[in-house]
C-alpha atoms as a PDB file:
ATOM      1  CA  MET A   1      43.477  -1.612 -88.920  1.00  0.00           C
ATOM      2  CA  SER A   2      40.747   0.991 -88.875  1.00  0.00           C
ATOM      3  CA  ILE A   3      39.804   3.413 -86.121  1.00  0.00           C
ATOM      4  CA  ASP A   4      36.135   4.241 -85.661  1.00  0.00           C
ATOM      5  CA  ARG A   5      36.163   8.053 -85.798  1.00  0.00           C
ATOM      6  CA  ARG A   6      32.756   8.208 -84.093  1.00  0.00           C
ATOM      7  CA  HIS A   7      34.366   7.141 -80.807  1.00  0.00           C
ATOM      8  CA  LEU A   8      37.085   9.794 -80.730  1.00  0.00           C
ATOM      9  CA  PRO A   9      36.763  12.476 -78.063  1.00  0.00           C
ATOM     10  CA  LYS A  10      35.783  16.016 -78.952  1.00  0.00           C
ATOM     11  CA  ILE A  11      38.904  18.164 -79.398  1.00  0.00           C
ATOM     12  CA  THR A  12      38.834  20.396 -76.310  1.00  0.00           C
ATOM     13  CA  ASP A  13      41.559  22.578 -74.783  1.00  0.00           C
ATOM     14  CA  GLU A  14      42.280  19.754 -72.323  1.00  0.00           C
ATOM     15  CA  ILE A  15      42.687  17.230 -75.170  1.00  0.00           C
ATOM     16  CA  LYS A  16      44.977  19.672 -77.013  1.00  0.00           C
ATOM     17  CA  ARG A  17      47.213  19.944 -73.923  1.00  0.00           C
ATOM     18  CA  THR A  18      47.363  16.288 -72.908  1.00  0.00           C
ATOM     19  CA  TRP A  19      46.742  13.960 -75.855  1.00  0.00           C
ATOM     20  CA  GLN A  20      49.615  11.834 -77.149  1.00  0.00           C
ATOM     21  CA  PRO A  21      50.571  11.225 -79.883  1.00  0.00           C
ATOM     22  CA  LYS A  22      50.193  14.606 -81.520  1.00  0.00           C
ATOM     23  CA  ARG A  23      52.035  16.544 -84.187  1.00  0.00           C
ATOM     24  CA  ARG A  24      52.203  19.949 -85.841  1.00  0.00           C
ATOM     25  CA  ASP A  25      51.774  20.226 -89.623  1.00  0.00           C
ATOM     26  CA  PHE A  26      52.622  23.241 -91.776  1.00  0.00           C
ATOM     27  CA  SER A  27      50.968  23.714 -95.149  1.00  0.00           C
ATOM     28  CA  ALA A  28      50.459  26.461 -97.691  1.00  0.00           C
ATOM     29  CA  GLY A  29      48.139  27.169-100.573  1.00  0.00           C
ATOM     30  CA  GLY A  30      46.574  29.912-102.513  1.00  0.00           C
ATOM     31  CA  VAL A  31      43.748  31.747-104.130  1.00  0.00           C
ATOM     32  CA  ALA A  32      44.939  31.242-107.714  1.00  0.00           C
ATOM     33  CA  TYR A  33      43.188  33.720-110.002  1.00  0.00           C
ATOM     34  CA  ARG A  34      43.040  34.799-113.627  1.00  0.00           C
ATOM     35  CA  ARG A  35      41.476  37.785-115.314  1.00  0.00           C
ATOM     36  CA  ILE A  36      39.203  37.001-118.272  1.00  0.00           C
ATOM     37  CA  GLY A  37      38.826  39.494-121.108  1.00  0.00           C
ATOM     38  CA  GLU A  38      41.832  41.522-120.008  1.00  0.00           C
ATOM     39  CA  ARG A  39      43.258  43.776-122.704  1.00  0.00           C
ATOM     40  CA  PRO A  40      45.662  46.682-122.313  1.00  0.00           C
ATOM     41  CA  ASP A  41      42.928  49.142-123.321  1.00  0.00           C
ATOM     42  CA  ALA A  42      40.027  47.683-121.294  1.00  0.00           C
ATOM     43  CA  GLU A  43      39.040  46.480-117.845  1.00  0.00           C
ATOM     44  CA  PRO A  44      38.745  42.704-117.349  1.00  0.00           C
ATOM     45  CA  THR A  45      35.250  41.331-117.719  1.00  0.00           C
ATOM     46  CA  ARG A  46      35.611  38.988-114.742  1.00  0.00           C
ATOM     47  CA  ILE A  47      38.032  37.263-112.375  1.00  0.00           C
ATOM     48  CA  GLU A  48      38.024  33.482-111.937  1.00  0.00           C
ATOM     49  CA  ILE A  49      39.687  31.262-109.343  1.00  0.00           C
ATOM     50  CA  ALA A  50      40.777  27.628-109.489  1.00  0.00           C
ATOM     51  CA  LEU A  51      39.224  25.314-106.887  1.00  0.00           C
ATOM     52  CA  ILE A  52      39.861  21.616-106.330  1.00  0.00           C
ATOM     53  CA  ALA A  53      37.468  18.877-105.226  1.00  0.00           C
ATOM     54  CA  THR A  54      38.416  16.000-102.918  1.00  0.00           C
ATOM     55  CA  HIS A  55      36.586  13.226-101.062  1.00  0.00           C
ATOM     56  CA  HIS A  56      34.611  12.108-104.147  1.00  0.00           C
ATOM     57  CA  GLU A  57      33.857  15.739-105.048  1.00  0.00           C
ATOM     58  CA  ARG A  58      32.122  16.341-101.708  1.00  0.00           C
ATOM     59  CA  ARG A  59      34.740  18.896-100.580  1.00  0.00           C
ATOM     60  CA  TRP A  60      35.584  21.934-102.707  1.00  0.00           C
ATOM     61  CA  GLN A  61      38.607  23.801-101.449  1.00  0.00           C
ATOM     62  CA  LEU A  62      41.563  26.005-102.255  1.00  0.00           C
ATOM     63  CA  PRO A  63      44.616  24.094-103.490  1.00  0.00           C
ATOM     64  CA  LYS A  64      47.104  23.563-100.663  1.00  0.00           C
ATOM     65  CA  GLY A  65      49.543  21.039 -99.286  1.00  0.00           C
ATOM     66  CA  THR A  66      52.295  20.168 -96.840  1.00  0.00           C
ATOM     67  CA  ARG A  67      55.543  22.088 -96.766  1.00  0.00           C
ATOM     68  CA  GLU A  68      58.555  19.984 -97.750  1.00  0.00           C
ATOM     69  CA  ALA A  69      61.929  20.127 -95.990  1.00  0.00           C
ATOM     70  CA  GLY A  70      63.888  23.252 -96.918  1.00  0.00           C
ATOM     71  CA  GLU A  71      60.911  24.862 -98.622  1.00  0.00           C
ATOM     72  CA  THR A  72      59.452  28.260 -97.753  1.00  0.00           C
ATOM     73  CA  SER A  73      55.738  28.712 -97.279  1.00  0.00           C
ATOM     74  CA  VAL A  74      55.504  30.691-100.549  1.00  0.00           C
ATOM     75  CA  GLU A  75      57.378  27.971-102.458  1.00  0.00           C
ATOM     76  CA  THR A  76      54.983  25.392-101.030  1.00  0.00           C
ATOM     77  CA  ALA A  77      51.923  27.388-102.088  1.00  0.00           C
ATOM     78  CA  ILE A  78      53.177  27.844-105.658  1.00  0.00           C
ATOM     79  CA  ARG A  79      54.215  24.167-105.960  1.00  0.00           C
ATOM     80  CA  GLU A  80      50.982  22.811-104.499  1.00  0.00           C
ATOM     81  CA  VAL A  81      48.782  24.972-106.739  1.00  0.00           C
ATOM     82  CA  GLU A  82      50.681  23.689-109.769  1.00  0.00           C
ATOM     83  CA  GLU A  83      50.530  20.051-108.579  1.00  0.00           C
ATOM     84  CA  GLU A  84      46.850  20.093-107.646  1.00  0.00           C
ATOM     85  CA  ALA A  85      45.376  22.486-110.220  1.00  0.00           C
ATOM     86  CA  GLY A  86      47.892  22.341-113.081  1.00  0.00           C
ATOM     87  CA  VAL A  87      48.504  26.093-113.263  1.00  0.00           C
ATOM     88  CA  CYS A  88      51.685  28.139-112.818  1.00  0.00           C
ATOM     89  CA  THR A  89      51.426  31.184-110.590  1.00  0.00           C
ATOM     90  CA  GLU A  90      53.326  34.143-109.239  1.00  0.00           C
ATOM     91  CA  LEU A  91      53.045  35.572-105.753  1.00  0.00           C
ATOM     92  CA  LYS A  92      51.017  38.731-105.337  1.00  0.00           C
ATOM     93  CA  GLN A  93      50.730  38.816-101.540  1.00  0.00           C
ATOM     94  CA  PHE A  94      50.159  36.963 -98.290  1.00  0.00           C
ATOM     95  CA  LEU A  95      46.484  36.710 -97.317  1.00  0.00           C
ATOM     96  CA  HIS A  96      45.968  34.847 -94.032  1.00  0.00           C
ATOM     97  CA  THR A  97      47.006  31.916 -91.823  1.00  0.00           C
ATOM     98  CA  VAL A  98      44.350  29.362 -90.881  1.00  0.00           C
ATOM     99  CA  GLU A  99      44.891  27.050 -87.891  1.00  0.00           C
ATOM    100  CA  TYR A 100      42.822  24.038 -86.919  1.00  0.00           C
ATOM    101  CA  TRP A 101      42.980  20.697 -85.101  1.00  0.00           C
ATOM    102  CA  TYR A 102      41.865  17.298 -86.382  1.00  0.00           C
ATOM    103  CA  TRP A 103      42.221  13.572 -85.748  1.00  0.00           C
ATOM    104  CA  ASP A 104      44.541  11.700 -88.117  1.00  0.00           C
ATOM    105  CA  THR A 105      43.385   8.080 -88.202  1.00  0.00           C
ATOM    106  CA  TYR A 106      44.626   7.093 -91.661  1.00  0.00           C
ATOM    107  CA  GLN A 107      46.524   3.788 -91.404  1.00  0.00           C
ATOM    108  CA  LYS A 108      47.054   4.341 -87.679  1.00  0.00           C
ATOM    109  CA  SER A 109      46.715   1.870 -84.813  1.00  0.00           C
ATOM    110  CA  GLU A 110      45.873   4.813 -82.558  1.00  0.00           C
ATOM    111  CA  PRO A 111      44.607   8.298 -83.436  1.00  0.00           C
ATOM    112  CA  CYS A 112      47.081  11.160 -83.718  1.00  0.00           C
ATOM    113  CA  LEU A 113      45.968  14.685 -82.836  1.00  0.00           C
ATOM    114  CA  VAL A 114      47.160  17.163 -85.467  1.00  0.00           C
ATOM    115  CA  HIS A 115      47.517  20.936 -85.109  1.00  0.00           C
ATOM    116  CA  LYS A 116      47.638  22.264 -88.661  1.00  0.00           C
ATOM    117  CA  GLN A 117      48.713  25.730 -89.803  1.00  0.00           C
ATOM    118  CA  VAL A 118      48.009  26.758 -93.411  1.00  0.00           C
ATOM    119  CA  ASP A 119      49.417  29.963 -94.929  1.00  0.00           C
ATOM    120  CA  PHE A 120      47.344  31.257 -97.855  1.00  0.00           C
ATOM    121  CA  TYR A 121      48.573  33.589-100.587  1.00  0.00           C
ATOM    122  CA  LEU A 122      47.046  35.526-103.449  1.00  0.00           C
ATOM    123  CA  LEU A 123      48.578  33.967-106.578  1.00  0.00           C
ATOM    124  CA  HIS A 124      48.191  35.291-110.129  1.00  0.00           C
ATOM    125  CA  ILE A 125      48.026  32.559-112.773  1.00  0.00           C
ATOM    126  CA  THR A 126      50.751  32.980-115.389  1.00  0.00           C
ATOM    127  CA  GLY A 127      50.412  29.758-117.385  1.00  0.00           C
ATOM    128  CA  GLY A 128      49.677  26.068-117.381  1.00  0.00           C
ATOM    129  CA  GLN A 129      46.479  24.186-118.076  1.00  0.00           C
ATOM    130  CA  LEU A 130      43.782  23.592-115.461  1.00  0.00           C
ATOM    131  CA  SER A 131      43.925  19.858-114.692  1.00  0.00           C
ATOM    132  CA  ASP A 132      43.418  17.422-111.825  1.00  0.00           C
ATOM    133  CA  ALA A 133      46.663  15.503-112.395  1.00  0.00           C
ATOM    134  CA  SER A 134      47.247  14.904-108.677  1.00  0.00           C
ATOM    135  CA  TYR A 135      45.978  11.604-107.271  1.00  0.00           C
ATOM    136  CA  GLU A 136      44.695  13.615-104.279  1.00  0.00           C
ATOM    137  CA  VAL A 137      42.300  15.654-106.437  1.00  0.00           C
ATOM    138  CA  ASP A 138      38.999  14.390-107.892  1.00  0.00           C
ATOM    139  CA  ALA A 139      38.157  17.480-109.940  1.00  0.00           C
ATOM    140  CA  VAL A 140      39.324  21.017-110.609  1.00  0.00           C
ATOM    141  CA  ALA A 141      37.270  23.876-112.035  1.00  0.00           C
ATOM    142  CA  TRP A 142      37.102  27.609-112.627  1.00  0.00           C
ATOM    143  CA  PHE A 143      34.691  29.665-110.530  1.00  0.00           C
ATOM    144  CA  THR A 144      33.876  33.344-110.431  1.00  0.00           C
ATOM    145  CA  LEU A 145      34.632  34.973-107.085  1.00  0.00           C
ATOM    146  CA  GLU A 146      30.953  34.871-106.111  1.00  0.00           C
ATOM    147  CA  GLN A 147      30.588  31.226-107.172  1.00  0.00           C
ATOM    148  CA  GLY A 148      33.737  30.374-105.220  1.00  0.00           C
ATOM    149  CA  LEU A 149      32.260  31.785-102.018  1.00  0.00           C
ATOM    150  CA  LYS A 150      29.242  29.498-102.467  1.00  0.00           C
ATOM    151  CA  GLN A 151      31.237  26.438-103.570  1.00  0.00           C
ATOM    152  CA  LEU A 152      33.948  26.334-100.879  1.00  0.00           C
ATOM    153  CA  THR A 153      33.192  23.756 -98.189  1.00  0.00           C
ATOM    154  CA  PHE A 154      35.019  25.343 -95.258  1.00  0.00           C
ATOM    155  CA  GLU A 155      34.207  28.710 -93.686  1.00  0.00           C
ATOM    156  CA  ALA A 156      37.892  29.412 -92.981  1.00  0.00           C
ATOM    157  CA  GLU A 157      38.621  29.191 -96.710  1.00  0.00           C
ATOM    158  CA  ARG A 158      35.611  31.393 -97.540  1.00  0.00           C
ATOM    159  CA  HIS A 159      37.176  33.962 -95.187  1.00  0.00           C
ATOM    160  CA  VAL A 160      40.482  33.692 -97.087  1.00  0.00           C
ATOM    161  CA  LEU A 161      38.626  34.183-100.384  1.00  0.00           C
ATOM    162  CA  ARG A 162      36.848  37.263 -98.980  1.00  0.00           C
ATOM    163  CA  LEU A 163      40.261  38.732 -98.124  1.00  0.00           C
ATOM    164  CA  ALA A 164      41.435  37.993-101.673  1.00  0.00           C
ATOM    165  CA  ILE A 165      38.316  39.647-103.102  1.00  0.00           C
ATOM    166  CA  GLU A 166      39.037  42.782-101.047  1.00  0.00           C
ATOM    167  CA  GLN A 167      42.569  42.880-102.469  1.00  0.00           C
ATOM    168  CA  LEU A 168      41.435  42.185-106.023  1.00  0.00           C
ATOM    169  CA  ASN A 169      38.658  44.788-105.876  1.00  0.00           C
ATOM    170  CA  GLY A 170      41.064  47.381-104.496  1.00  0.00           C
ATOM    171  CA  ALA A 171      43.645  46.437-107.096  1.00  0.00           C
ATOM    172  CA  SER A 172      41.227  46.712-110.010  1.00  0.00           C
ATOM    173  CA  GLU A 173      40.824  50.373-109.160  1.00  0.00           C
ATOM    174  CA  SER A 174      44.585  50.913-109.010  1.00  0.00           C
ATOM    175  CA  SER A 175      45.634  48.178-111.534  1.00  0.00           C
ATOM    176  CA  GLU A 176      48.307  46.891-109.119  1.00  0.00           C
ATOM    177  CA  ILE A 177      47.335  43.213-108.863  1.00  0.00           C
END
């Protein structure tokens, strides 16, 4: 059975209060970065981030996914980045929480209103090989910070990347991150 999304009501405050069924989802992800040209005696030549593409490569986004039972938000972010982008990371710091509402109609007889919260972290890549091994991902690629700002589909994720850039630019002066 398929629900025609064009006939769903706009998500207003009233809909948020009264619609049933609805659920709350918690996810986490990260700005996974690497420094290129880094040597102990020199500054890095550039910083690159890993982005994933979904929906037939129409959506470029930060890797993220749903928190599993018993998992912390940080554990989710690190696991999801590895699953979706193929790279191992270590936590540098929390960046921002994004919240949004959407209609879940996938394999549903009636639409479910979802309130999603996504915690994003700055994650330094420590190993692995960039790959799109996850069935949920159509492509994965490296982007410079500036390219990433242009490539990301969603403004909320561009905001997260801007916060990461602030941290990375501040850290390059102090060599902390």
